[in-house]
Every structure is written in C-alpha cells, then in structure tokens.
Amino acid sequence: MVKMCSFNKLMAILVVAMLASFEGSRAFTFCNMSGDVLTDCKPSVMKPNPSDPTAECCKDLSTADLDCLCSYKTSPLLPGLGIDPPLAMGLPAKCGLTPPANC
C-alpha cells in the first residue's frame, strides 16, 4: 500500500512537471480541453475562494470530455495542480452542462 501511494505521488509529480513544460502551449490538450481552457477555468476550481466560472470557461468546457474529467475525481493529479476535485466535478453543473451520471 505504501509503495502504491508513493507511486501515485510520483506519477502526479511527473504529470505536473510535464504540464508545466507545456505551459502556454496551445498544442497541449487534456480531456479535449486546451491549456488555455484549463487556465480560464482554474480560478473556479481553486480553494479557498473559488470564483464563478466565466462565460469563456463554460463555452470551452462544453466541448470537454466530461467522462474523462470525471475519471480524475479521485486522482492525485488534480490536487497536484492546485485544483479542488469536488469543485472541479461541480463545474459542469455551474456552467449549465449535464455532468456524467456516475460523477
């Protein structure tokens, strides 16, 4: 169990490092969202004072693969990026989108 937890943390660190290397790159996509979309929506999914999603965030989120996003709800990846998973899972509803049933 300890080895798996360490492995998950290592993977999260590697993914964060990889994402950081793509900072500002329009070629980077995650769950059918560009790095710009992630930047537009990030203030809405960060504690302690998340903001309401912007129209641009919601527009871009409407093309995201919500099932893909949902698959990260228990992953250490989101907290490693400073994203609060419950806030992230609630973002589609705040944008008037129907989240996946199992999310």
PDB file of N, CA and C in Angstrom:
ATOM      1  N   MET A   1       0.824  -1.191   0.000  1.00  0.00           N
ATOM      2  CA  MET A   1       0.000   0.000   0.000  1.00  0.00           C
ATOM      3  C   MET A   1       0.868   1.254   0.000  1.00  0.00           C
ATOM      4  N   VAL A   2       1.939   1.251   0.803  1.00  0.00           N
ATOM      5  CA  VAL A   2       2.829   2.403   0.869  1.00  0.00           C
ATOM      6  C   VAL A   2       3.496   2.620  -0.478  1.00  0.00           C
ATOM      7  N   LYS A   3       3.910   1.517  -1.135  1.00  0.00           N
ATOM      8  CA  LYS A   3       4.549   1.637  -2.443  1.00  0.00           C
ATOM      9  C   LYS A   3       3.577   2.218  -3.472  1.00  0.00           C
ATOM     10  N   MET A   4       2.317   1.816  -3.435  1.00  0.00           N
ATOM     11  CA  MET A   4       1.326   2.319  -4.388  1.00  0.00           C
ATOM     12  C   MET A   4       1.079   3.805  -4.157  1.00  0.00           C
ATOM     13  N   CYS A   5       1.001   4.221  -2.885  1.00  0.00           N
ATOM     14  CA  CYS A   5       0.793   5.628  -2.560  1.00  0.00           C
ATOM     15  C   CYS A   5       1.982   6.450  -3.053  1.00  0.00           C
ATOM     16  N   SER A   6       3.182   5.948  -2.843  1.00  0.00           N
ATOM     17  CA  SER A   6       4.381   6.639  -3.315  1.00  0.00           C
ATOM     18  C   SER A   6       4.397   6.698  -4.831  1.00  0.00           C
ATOM     19  N   PHE A   7       3.986   5.620  -5.471  1.00  0.00           N
ATOM     20  CA  PHE A   7       3.929   5.596  -6.930  1.00  0.00           C
ATOM     21  C   PHE A   7       2.943   6.637  -7.443  1.00  0.00           C
ATOM     22  N   ASN A   8       1.762   6.724  -6.807  1.00  0.00           N
ATOM     23  CA  ASN A   8       0.764   7.714  -7.216  1.00  0.00           C
ATOM     24  C   ASN A   8       1.298   9.132  -7.058  1.00  0.00           C
ATOM     25  N   LYS A   9       1.987   9.388  -5.967  1.00  0.00           N
ATOM     26  CA  LYS A   9       2.559  10.722  -5.755  1.00  0.00           C
ATOM     27  C   LYS A   9       3.630  11.013  -6.804  1.00  0.00           C
ATOM     28  N   LEU A  10       4.447  10.035  -7.105  1.00  0.00           N
ATOM     29  CA  LEU A  10       5.479  10.209  -8.121  1.00  0.00           C
ATOM     30  C   LEU A  10       4.857  10.486  -9.478  1.00  0.00           C
ATOM     31  N   MET A  11       3.815   9.739  -9.807  1.00  0.00           N
ATOM     32  CA  MET A  11       3.138   9.963 -11.094  1.00  0.00           C
ATOM     33  C   MET A  11       2.525  11.361 -11.146  1.00  0.00           C
ATOM     34  N   ALA A  12       1.932  11.801 -10.043  1.00  0.00           N
ATOM     35  CA  ALA A  12       1.340  13.142 -10.010  1.00  0.00           C
ATOM     36  C   ALA A  12       2.421  14.200 -10.209  1.00  0.00           C
ATOM     37  N   ILE A  13       3.558  14.018  -9.571  1.00  0.00           N
ATOM     38  CA  ILE A  13       4.661  14.968  -9.721  1.00  0.00           C
ATOM     39  C   ILE A  13       5.158  14.981 -11.159  1.00  0.00           C
ATOM     40  N   LEU A  14       5.280  13.810 -11.756  1.00  0.00           N
ATOM     41  CA  LEU A  14       5.732  13.741 -13.144  1.00  0.00           C
ATOM     42  C   LEU A  14       4.733  14.402 -14.094  1.00  0.00           C
ATOM     43  N   VAL A  15       3.447  14.171 -13.865  1.00  0.00           N
ATOM     44  CA  VAL A  15       2.432  14.784 -14.721  1.00  0.00           C
ATOM     45  C   VAL A  15       2.440  16.296 -14.540  1.00  0.00           C
ATOM     46  N   VAL A  16       2.572  16.767 -13.301  1.00  0.00           N
ATOM     47  CA  VAL A  16       2.632  18.212 -13.059  1.00  0.00           C
ATOM     48  C   VAL A  16       3.849  18.809 -13.756  1.00  0.00           C
ATOM     49  N   ALA A  17       4.976  18.133 -13.668  1.00  0.00           N
ATOM     50  CA  ALA A  17       6.172  18.625 -14.346  1.00  0.00           C
ATOM     51  C   ALA A  17       5.971  18.655 -15.861  1.00  0.00           C
ATOM     52  N   MET A  18       5.322  17.639 -16.376  1.00  0.00           N
ATOM     53  CA  MET A  18       5.051  17.588 -17.808  1.00  0.00           C
ATOM     54  C   MET A  18       4.105  18.720 -18.212  1.00  0.00           C
ATOM     55  N   LEU A  19       3.068  18.935 -17.404  1.00  0.00           N
ATOM     56  CA  LEU A  19       2.126  20.010 -17.699  1.00  0.00           C
ATOM     57  C   LEU A  19       2.820  21.365 -17.640  1.00  0.00           C
ATOM     58  N   ALA A  20       3.695  21.531 -16.671  1.00  0.00           N
ATOM     59  CA  ALA A  20       4.417  22.795 -16.556  1.00  0.00           C
ATOM     60  C   ALA A  20       5.285  23.051 -17.776  1.00  0.00           C
ATOM     61  N   SER A  21       5.821  21.989 -18.349  1.00  0.00           N
ATOM     62  CA  SER A  21       6.655  22.167 -19.534  1.00  0.00           C
ATOM     63  C   SER A  21       5.837  22.590 -20.738  1.00  0.00           C
ATOM     64  N   PHE A  22       4.528  22.351 -20.685  1.00  0.00           N
ATOM     65  CA  PHE A  22       3.643  22.746 -21.772  1.00  0.00           C
ATOM     66  C   PHE A  22       2.966  24.090 -21.503  1.00  0.00           C
ATOM     67  N   GLU A  23       3.288  24.733 -20.389  1.00  0.00           N
ATOM     68  CA  GLU A  23       2.636  25.993 -20.007  1.00  0.00           C
ATOM     69  C   GLU A  23       2.640  26.964 -21.174  1.00  0.00           C
ATOM     70  N   GLY A  24       1.474  27.453 -21.519  1.00  0.00           N
ATOM     71  CA  GLY A  24       1.354  28.412 -22.606  1.00  0.00           C
ATOM     72  C   GLY A  24       1.267  27.776 -23.976  1.00  0.00           C
ATOM     73  N   SER A  25       1.413  26.482 -24.052  1.00  0.00           N
ATOM     74  CA  SER A  25       1.360  25.811 -25.351  1.00  0.00           C
ATOM     75  C   SER A  25      -0.071  25.518 -25.739  1.00  0.00           C
ATOM     76  N   ARG A  26      -0.450  25.907 -26.920  1.00  0.00           N
ATOM     77  CA  ARG A  26      -1.798  25.654 -27.397  1.00  0.00           C
ATOM     78  C   ARG A  26      -1.935  24.212 -27.902  1.00  0.00           C
ATOM     79  N   ALA A  27      -0.835  23.518 -28.060  1.00  0.00           N
ATOM     80  CA  ALA A  27      -0.874  22.148 -28.553  1.00  0.00           C
ATOM     81  C   ALA A  27      -1.267  21.160 -27.455  1.00  0.00           C
ATOM     82  N   PHE A  28      -1.123  21.553 -26.204  1.00  0.00           N
ATOM     83  CA  PHE A  28      -1.436  20.687 -25.081  1.00  0.00           C
ATOM     84  C   PHE A  28      -2.945  20.554 -24.922  1.00  0.00           C
ATOM     85  N   THR A  29      -3.433  19.319 -24.789  1.00  0.00           N
ATOM     86  CA  THR A  29      -4.847  19.100 -24.509  1.00  0.00           C
ATOM     87  C   THR A  29      -4.982  18.090 -23.370  1.00  0.00           C
ATOM     88  N   PHE A  30      -6.064  18.227 -22.623  1.00  0.00           N
ATOM     89  CA  PHE A  30      -6.366  17.345 -21.501  1.00  0.00           C
ATOM     90  C   PHE A  30      -7.870  17.161 -21.499  1.00  0.00           C
ATOM     91  N   CYS A  31      -8.338  15.948 -21.719  1.00  0.00           N
ATOM     92  CA  CYS A  31      -9.779  15.657 -21.774  1.00  0.00           C
ATOM     93  C   CYS A  31     -10.477  16.565 -22.784  1.00  0.00           C
ATOM     94  N   ASN A  32      -9.848  16.755 -23.920  1.00  0.00           N
ATOM     95  CA  ASN A  32     -10.384  17.556 -25.024  1.00  0.00           C
ATOM     96  C   ASN A  32     -10.455  19.048 -24.678  1.00  0.00           C
ATOM     97  N   MET A  33      -9.600  19.489 -23.748  1.00  0.00           N
ATOM     98  CA  MET A  33      -9.511  20.908 -23.398  1.00  0.00           C
ATOM     99  C   MET A  33      -8.073  21.355 -23.613  1.00  0.00           C
ATOM    100  N   SER A  34      -7.907  22.532 -24.171  1.00  0.00           N
ATOM    101  CA  SER A  34      -6.563  23.070 -24.355  1.00  0.00           C
ATOM    102  C   SER A  34      -6.045  23.631 -23.037  1.00  0.00           C
ATOM    103  N   GLY A  35      -4.771  23.916 -23.003  1.00  0.00           N
ATOM    104  CA  GLY A  35      -4.175  24.537 -21.823  1.00  0.00           C
ATOM    105  C   GLY A  35      -4.829  25.867 -21.502  1.00  0.00           C
ATOM    106  N   ASP A  36      -5.300  26.584 -22.531  1.00  0.00           N
ATOM    107  CA  ASP A  36      -5.980  27.859 -22.310  1.00  0.00           C
ATOM    108  C   ASP A  36      -7.272  27.668 -21.541  1.00  0.00           C
ATOM    109  N   VAL A  37      -8.007  26.616 -21.846  1.00  0.00           N
ATOM    110  CA  VAL A  37      -9.260  26.344 -21.143  1.00  0.00           C
ATOM    111  C   VAL A  37      -8.967  26.055 -19.676  1.00  0.00           C
ATOM    112  N   LEU A  38      -7.941  25.266 -19.440  1.00  0.00           N
ATOM    113  CA  LEU A  38      -7.574  24.961 -18.059  1.00  0.00           C
ATOM    114  C   LEU A  38      -7.254  26.244 -17.309  1.00  0.00           C
ATOM    115  N   THR A  39      -6.566  27.166 -17.958  1.00  0.00           N
ATOM    116  CA  THR A  39      -6.233  28.444 -17.342  1.00  0.00           C
ATOM    117  C   THR A  39      -7.488  29.269 -17.094  1.00  0.00           C
ATOM    118  N   ASP A  40      -8.412  29.301 -18.059  1.00  0.00           N
ATOM    119  CA  ASP A  40      -9.651  30.073 -17.918  1.00  0.00           C
ATOM    120  C   ASP A  40     -10.517  29.562 -16.771  1.00  0.00           C
ATOM    121  N   CYS A  41     -10.531  28.258 -16.562  1.00  0.00           N
ATOM    122  CA  CYS A  41     -11.423  27.665 -15.564  1.00  0.00           C
ATOM    123  C   CYS A  41     -10.778  27.495 -14.188  1.00  0.00           C
ATOM    124  N   LYS A  42      -9.475  27.568 -14.106  1.00  0.00           N
ATOM    125  CA  LYS A  42      -8.792  27.266 -12.851  1.00  0.00           C
ATOM    126  C   LYS A  42      -9.250  28.123 -11.670  1.00  0.00           C
ATOM    127  N   PRO A  43      -9.518  29.434 -11.841  1.00  0.00           N
ATOM    128  CA  PRO A  43      -9.983  30.206 -10.676  1.00  0.00           C
ATOM    129  C   PRO A  43     -11.304  29.686 -10.087  1.00  0.00           C
ATOM    130  N   SER A  44     -12.051  28.957 -10.862  1.00  0.00           N
ATOM    131  CA  SER A  44     -13.341  28.430 -10.395  1.00  0.00           C
ATOM    132  C   SER A  44     -13.209  27.120  -9.634  1.00  0.00           C
ATOM    133  N   VAL A  45     -12.032  26.521  -9.660  1.00  0.00           N
ATOM    134  CA  VAL A  45     -11.854  25.210  -9.028  1.00  0.00           C
ATOM    135  C   VAL A  45     -10.725  25.207  -8.005  1.00  0.00           C
ATOM    136  N   MET A  46     -10.381  26.404  -7.523  1.00  0.00           N
ATOM    137  CA  MET A  46      -9.320  26.525  -6.523  1.00  0.00           C
ATOM    138  C   MET A  46      -9.881  27.075  -5.216  1.00  0.00           C
ATOM    139  N   LYS A  47      -9.496  26.436  -4.124  1.00  0.00           N
ATOM    140  CA  LYS A  47      -9.852  26.941  -2.798  1.00  0.00           C
ATOM    141  C   LYS A  47      -8.853  28.033  -2.427  1.00  0.00           C
ATOM    142  N   PRO A  48      -9.126  28.899  -1.520  1.00  0.00           N
ATOM    143  CA  PRO A  48     -10.262  28.920  -0.609  1.00  0.00           C
ATOM    144  C   PRO A  48     -11.446  29.728  -1.144  1.00  0.00           C
ATOM    145  N   ASN A  49     -11.249  30.541  -2.161  1.00  0.00           N
ATOM    146  CA  ASN A  49     -12.323  31.406  -2.658  1.00  0.00           C
ATOM    147  C   ASN A  49     -12.525  31.224  -4.152  1.00  0.00           C
ATOM    148  N   PRO A  50     -13.156  30.127  -4.555  1.00  0.00           N
ATOM    149  CA  PRO A  50     -13.352  29.930  -5.995  1.00  0.00           C
ATOM    150  C   PRO A  50     -14.308  30.976  -6.562  1.00  0.00           C
ATOM    151  N   SER A  51     -14.020  31.406  -7.777  1.00  0.00           N
ATOM    152  CA  SER A  51     -14.900  32.366  -8.439  1.00  0.00           C
ATOM    153  C   SER A  51     -15.923  31.616  -9.281  1.00  0.00           C
ATOM    154  N   ASP A  52     -16.968  32.313  -9.667  1.00  0.00           N
ATOM    155  CA  ASP A  52     -17.930  31.722 -10.592  1.00  0.00           C
ATOM    156  C   ASP A  52     -17.238  31.523 -11.932  1.00  0.00           C
ATOM    157  N   PRO A  53     -17.591  30.473 -12.663  1.00  0.00           N
ATOM    158  CA  PRO A  53     -16.949  30.263 -13.965  1.00  0.00           C
ATOM    159  C   PRO A  53     -17.313  31.393 -14.938  1.00  0.00           C
ATOM    160  N   THR A  54     -16.349  31.780 -15.740  1.00  0.00           N
ATOM    161  CA  THR A  54     -16.582  32.814 -16.740  1.00  0.00           C
ATOM    162  C   THR A  54     -17.331  32.209 -17.925  1.00  0.00           C
ATOM    163  N   ALA A  55     -17.898  33.070 -18.742  1.00  0.00           N
ATOM    164  CA  ALA A  55     -18.584  32.606 -19.952  1.00  0.00           C
ATOM    165  C   ALA A  55     -17.611  31.857 -20.859  1.00  0.00           C
ATOM    166  N   GLU A  56     -16.377  32.334 -20.930  1.00  0.00           N
ATOM    167  CA  GLU A  56     -15.366  31.680 -21.762  1.00  0.00           C
ATOM    168  C   GLU A  56     -15.046  30.286 -21.229  1.00  0.00           C
ATOM    169  N   CYS A  57     -14.922  30.166 -19.916  1.00  0.00           N
ATOM    170  CA  CYS A  57     -14.672  28.862 -19.296  1.00  0.00           C
ATOM    171  C   CYS A  57     -15.800  27.903 -19.648  1.00  0.00           C
ATOM    172  N   CYS A  58     -17.043  28.344 -19.470  1.00  0.00           N
ATOM    173  CA  CYS A  58     -18.197  27.469 -19.726  1.00  0.00           C
ATOM    174  C   CYS A  58     -18.300  27.100 -21.202  1.00  0.00           C
ATOM    175  N   LYS A  59     -18.016  28.049 -22.071  1.00  0.00           N
ATOM    176  CA  LYS A  59     -18.058  27.770 -23.514  1.00  0.00           C
ATOM    177  C   LYS A  59     -17.059  26.680 -23.867  1.00  0.00           C
ATOM    178  N   ASP A  60     -15.857  26.838 -23.359  1.00  0.00           N
ATOM    179  CA  ASP A  60     -14.815  25.851 -23.648  1.00  0.00           C
ATOM    180  C   ASP A  60     -15.083  24.523 -22.961  1.00  0.00           C
ATOM    181  N   LEU A  61     -15.641  24.566 -21.756  1.00  0.00           N
ATOM    182  CA  LEU A  61     -15.951  23.335 -21.031  1.00  0.00           C
ATOM    183  C   LEU A  61     -17.019  22.522 -21.756  1.00  0.00           C
ATOM    184  N   SER A  62     -17.850  23.194 -22.532  1.00  0.00           N
ATOM    185  CA  SER A  62     -18.924  22.497 -23.253  1.00  0.00           C
ATOM    186  C   SER A  62     -18.383  21.519 -24.293  1.00  0.00           C
ATOM    187  N   THR A  63     -17.128  21.675 -24.695  1.00  0.00           N
ATOM    188  CA  THR A  63     -16.528  20.746 -25.667  1.00  0.00           C
ATOM    189  C   THR A  63     -15.621  19.720 -24.986  1.00  0.00           C
ATOM    190  N   ALA A  64     -15.501  19.817 -23.670  1.00  0.00           N
ATOM    191  CA  ALA A  64     -14.620  18.898 -22.938  1.00  0.00           C
ATOM    192  C   ALA A  64     -15.246  17.515 -22.850  1.00  0.00           C
ATOM    193  N   ASP A  65     -14.396  16.532 -22.692  1.00  0.00           N
ATOM    194  CA  ASP A  65     -14.837  15.157 -22.461  1.00  0.00           C
ATOM    195  C   ASP A  65     -15.109  15.015 -20.962  1.00  0.00           C
ATOM    196  N   LEU A  66     -16.355  15.204 -20.567  1.00  0.00           N
ATOM    197  CA  LEU A  66     -16.704  15.210 -19.145  1.00  0.00           C
ATOM    198  C   LEU A  66     -16.493  13.857 -18.483  1.00  0.00           C
ATOM    199  N   ASP A  67     -16.667  12.763 -19.231  1.00  0.00           N
ATOM    200  CA  ASP A  67     -16.375  11.438 -18.667  1.00  0.00           C
ATOM    201  C   ASP A  67     -14.892  11.319 -18.343  1.00  0.00           C
ATOM    202  N   CYS A  68     -14.063  11.865 -19.222  1.00  0.00           N
ATOM    203  CA  CYS A  68     -12.616  11.868 -18.984  1.00  0.00           C
ATOM    204  C   CYS A  68     -12.300  12.664 -17.723  1.00  0.00           C
ATOM    205  N   LEU A  69     -12.871  13.861 -17.617  1.00  0.00           N
ATOM    206  CA  LEU A  69     -12.635  14.690 -16.428  1.00  0.00           C
ATOM    207  C   LEU A  69     -13.074  13.973 -15.172  1.00  0.00           C
ATOM    208  N   CYS A  70     -14.201  13.323 -15.228  1.00  0.00           N
ATOM    209  CA  CYS A  70     -14.738  12.611 -14.070  1.00  0.00           C
ATOM    210  C   CYS A  70     -13.788  11.499 -13.618  1.00  0.00           C
ATOM    211  N   SER A  71     -13.085  10.917 -14.545  1.00  0.00           N
ATOM    212  CA  SER A  71     -12.167   9.831 -14.196  1.00  0.00           C
ATOM    213  C   SER A  71     -11.022  10.301 -13.298  1.00  0.00           C
ATOM    214  N   TYR A  72     -10.824  11.602 -13.187  1.00  0.00           N
ATOM    215  CA  TYR A  72      -9.750  12.158 -12.361  1.00  0.00           C
ATOM    216  C   TYR A  72     -10.232  12.605 -10.977  1.00  0.00           C
ATOM    217  N   LYS A  73     -11.488  12.331 -10.637  1.00  0.00           N
ATOM    218  CA  LYS A  73     -12.031  12.865  -9.390  1.00  0.00           C
ATOM    219  C   LYS A  73     -11.338  12.337  -8.143  1.00  0.00           C
ATOM    220  N   THR A  74     -10.740  11.161  -8.202  1.00  0.00           N
ATOM    221  CA  THR A  74     -10.011  10.637  -7.040  1.00  0.00           C
ATOM    222  C   THR A  74      -8.508  10.560  -7.296  1.00  0.00           C
ATOM    223  N   SER A  75      -8.071  11.118  -8.382  1.00  0.00           N
ATOM    224  CA  SER A  75      -6.654  11.096  -8.740  1.00  0.00           C
ATOM    225  C   SER A  75      -5.879  12.169  -7.978  1.00  0.00           C
ATOM    226  N   PRO A  76      -4.620  11.901  -7.657  1.00  0.00           N
ATOM    227  CA  PRO A  76      -3.794  12.935  -7.030  1.00  0.00           C
ATOM    228  C   PRO A  76      -3.383  14.021  -8.030  1.00  0.00           C
ATOM    229  N   LEU A  77      -3.702  13.828  -9.294  1.00  0.00           N
ATOM    230  CA  LEU A  77      -3.321  14.808 -10.317  1.00  0.00           C
ATOM    231  C   LEU A  77      -3.954  16.172 -10.065  1.00  0.00           C
ATOM    232  N   LEU A  78      -5.260  16.214  -9.813  1.00  0.00           N
ATOM    233  CA  LEU A  78      -5.941  17.497  -9.643  1.00  0.00           C
ATOM    234  C   LEU A  78      -5.401  18.284  -8.453  1.00  0.00           C
ATOM    235  N   PRO A  79      -5.338  17.688  -7.258  1.00  0.00           N
ATOM    236  CA  PRO A  79      -4.764  18.448  -6.141  1.00  0.00           C
ATOM    237  C   PRO A  79      -3.312  18.862  -6.411  1.00  0.00           C
ATOM    238  N   GLY A  80      -2.585  18.031  -7.157  1.00  0.00           N
ATOM    239  CA  GLY A  80      -1.212  18.371  -7.510  1.00  0.00           C
ATOM    240  C   GLY A  80      -1.119  19.602  -8.389  1.00  0.00           C
ATOM    241  N   LEU A  81      -2.209  19.924  -9.080  1.00  0.00           N
ATOM    242  CA  LEU A  81      -2.266  21.116  -9.923  1.00  0.00           C
ATOM    243  C   LEU A  81      -2.938  22.285  -9.205  1.00  0.00           C
ATOM    244  N   GLY A  82      -3.268  22.095  -7.920  1.00  0.00           N
ATOM    245  CA  GLY A  82      -3.928  23.137  -7.159  1.00  0.00           C
ATOM    246  C   GLY A  82      -5.430  23.187  -7.391  1.00  0.00           C
ATOM    247  N   ILE A  83      -5.986  22.117  -7.963  1.00  0.00           N
ATOM    248  CA  ILE A  83      -7.409  22.052  -8.281  1.00  0.00           C
ATOM    249  C   ILE A  83      -8.116  21.209  -7.229  1.00  0.00           C
ATOM    250  N   ASP A  84      -9.224  21.730  -6.709  1.00  0.00           N
ATOM    251  CA  ASP A  84     -10.023  21.008  -5.732  1.00  0.00           C
ATOM    252  C   ASP A  84     -10.973  20.067  -6.479  1.00  0.00           C
ATOM    253  N   PRO A  85     -10.834  18.744  -6.329  1.00  0.00           N
ATOM    254  CA  PRO A  85     -11.678  17.814  -7.087  1.00  0.00           C
ATOM    255  C   PRO A  85     -13.184  18.039  -6.947  1.00  0.00           C
ATOM    256  N   PRO A  86     -13.737  18.233  -5.723  1.00  0.00           N
ATOM    257  CA  PRO A  86     -15.185  18.475  -5.661  1.00  0.00           C
ATOM    258  C   PRO A  86     -15.615  19.733  -6.424  1.00  0.00           C
ATOM    259  N   LEU A  87     -14.801  20.784  -6.375  1.00  0.00           N
ATOM    260  CA  LEU A  87     -15.125  21.994  -7.142  1.00  0.00           C
ATOM    261  C   LEU A  87     -15.060  21.706  -8.638  1.00  0.00           C
ATOM    262  N   ALA A  88     -14.056  20.939  -9.049  1.00  0.00           N
ATOM    263  CA  ALA A  88     -13.919  20.603 -10.472  1.00  0.00           C
ATOM    264  C   ALA A  88     -15.089  19.750 -10.945  1.00  0.00           C
ATOM    265  N   MET A  89     -15.534  18.804 -10.122  1.00  0.00           N
ATOM    266  CA  MET A  89     -16.644  17.945 -10.526  1.00  0.00           C
ATOM    267  C   MET A  89     -17.967  18.718 -10.565  1.00  0.00           C
ATOM    268  N   GLY A  90     -18.045  19.816  -9.808  1.00  0.00           N
ATOM    269  CA  GLY A  90     -19.249  20.632  -9.805  1.00  0.00           C
ATOM    270  C   GLY A  90     -19.281  21.696 -10.885  1.00  0.00           C
ATOM    271  N   LEU A  91     -18.168  21.905 -11.561  1.00  0.00           N
ATOM    272  CA  LEU A  91     -18.082  22.969 -12.564  1.00  0.00           C
ATOM    273  C   LEU A  91     -19.046  22.792 -13.732  1.00  0.00           C
ATOM    274  N   PRO A  92     -19.201  21.599 -14.309  1.00  0.00           N
ATOM    275  CA  PRO A  92     -20.149  21.466 -15.425  1.00  0.00           C
ATOM    276  C   PRO A  92     -21.561  21.934 -15.055  1.00  0.00           C
ATOM    277  N   ALA A  93     -22.042  21.574 -13.881  1.00  0.00           N
ATOM    278  CA  ALA A  93     -23.389  21.991 -13.466  1.00  0.00           C
ATOM    279  C   ALA A  93     -23.474  23.510 -13.335  1.00  0.00           C
ATOM    280  N   LYS A  94     -22.397  24.132 -12.834  1.00  0.00           N
ATOM    281  CA  LYS A  94     -22.390  25.592 -12.720  1.00  0.00           C
ATOM    282  C   LYS A  94     -22.432  26.266 -14.083  1.00  0.00           C
ATOM    283  N   CYS A  95     -21.993  25.534 -15.091  1.00  0.00           N
ATOM    284  CA  CYS A  95     -22.000  26.061 -16.465  1.00  0.00           C
ATOM    285  C   CYS A  95     -23.271  25.644 -17.222  1.00  0.00           C
ATOM    286  N   GLY A  96     -24.198  24.995 -16.520  1.00  0.00           N
ATOM    287  CA  GLY A  96     -25.437  24.582 -17.166  1.00  0.00           C
ATOM    288  C   GLY A  96     -25.279  23.340 -18.027  1.00  0.00           C
ATOM    289  N   LEU A  97     -24.210  22.589 -17.798  1.00  0.00           N
ATOM    290  CA  LEU A  97     -23.957  21.352 -18.535  1.00  0.00           C
ATOM    291  C   LEU A  97     -24.396  20.170 -17.686  1.00  0.00           C
ATOM    292  N   THR A  98     -24.760  19.086 -18.321  1.00  0.00           N
ATOM    293  CA  THR A  98     -25.151  17.886 -17.594  1.00  0.00           C
ATOM    294  C   THR A  98     -23.916  17.030 -17.347  1.00  0.00           C
ATOM    295  N   PRO A  99     -23.544  16.886 -16.076  1.00  0.00           N
ATOM    296  CA  PRO A  99     -22.372  16.053 -15.777  1.00  0.00           C
ATOM    297  C   PRO A  99     -22.708  14.573 -15.989  1.00  0.00           C
ATOM    298  N   PRO A 100     -21.694  13.739 -16.164  1.00  0.00           N
ATOM    299  CA  PRO A 100     -21.939  12.299 -16.280  1.00  0.00           C
ATOM    300  C   PRO A 100     -22.666  11.793 -15.035  1.00  0.00           C
ATOM    301  N   ALA A 101     -23.534  10.830 -15.234  1.00  0.00           N
ATOM    302  CA  ALA A 101     -24.368  10.306 -14.148  1.00  0.00           C
ATOM    303  C   ALA A 101     -23.547   9.741 -13.000  1.00  0.00           C
ATOM    304  N   ASN A 102     -22.426   9.115 -13.296  1.00  0.00           N
ATOM    305  CA  ASN A 102     -21.633   8.463 -12.261  1.00  0.00           C
ATOM    306  C   ASN A 102     -20.601   9.395 -11.626  1.00  0.00           C
ATOM    307  N   CYS A 103     -20.666  10.668 -11.932  1.00  0.00           N
ATOM    308  CA  CYS A 103     -19.648  11.590 -11.431  1.00  0.00           C
ATOM    309  C   CYS A 103     -20.187  12.241 -10.201  1.00  0.00           C
TER     310      CYS A 103
END
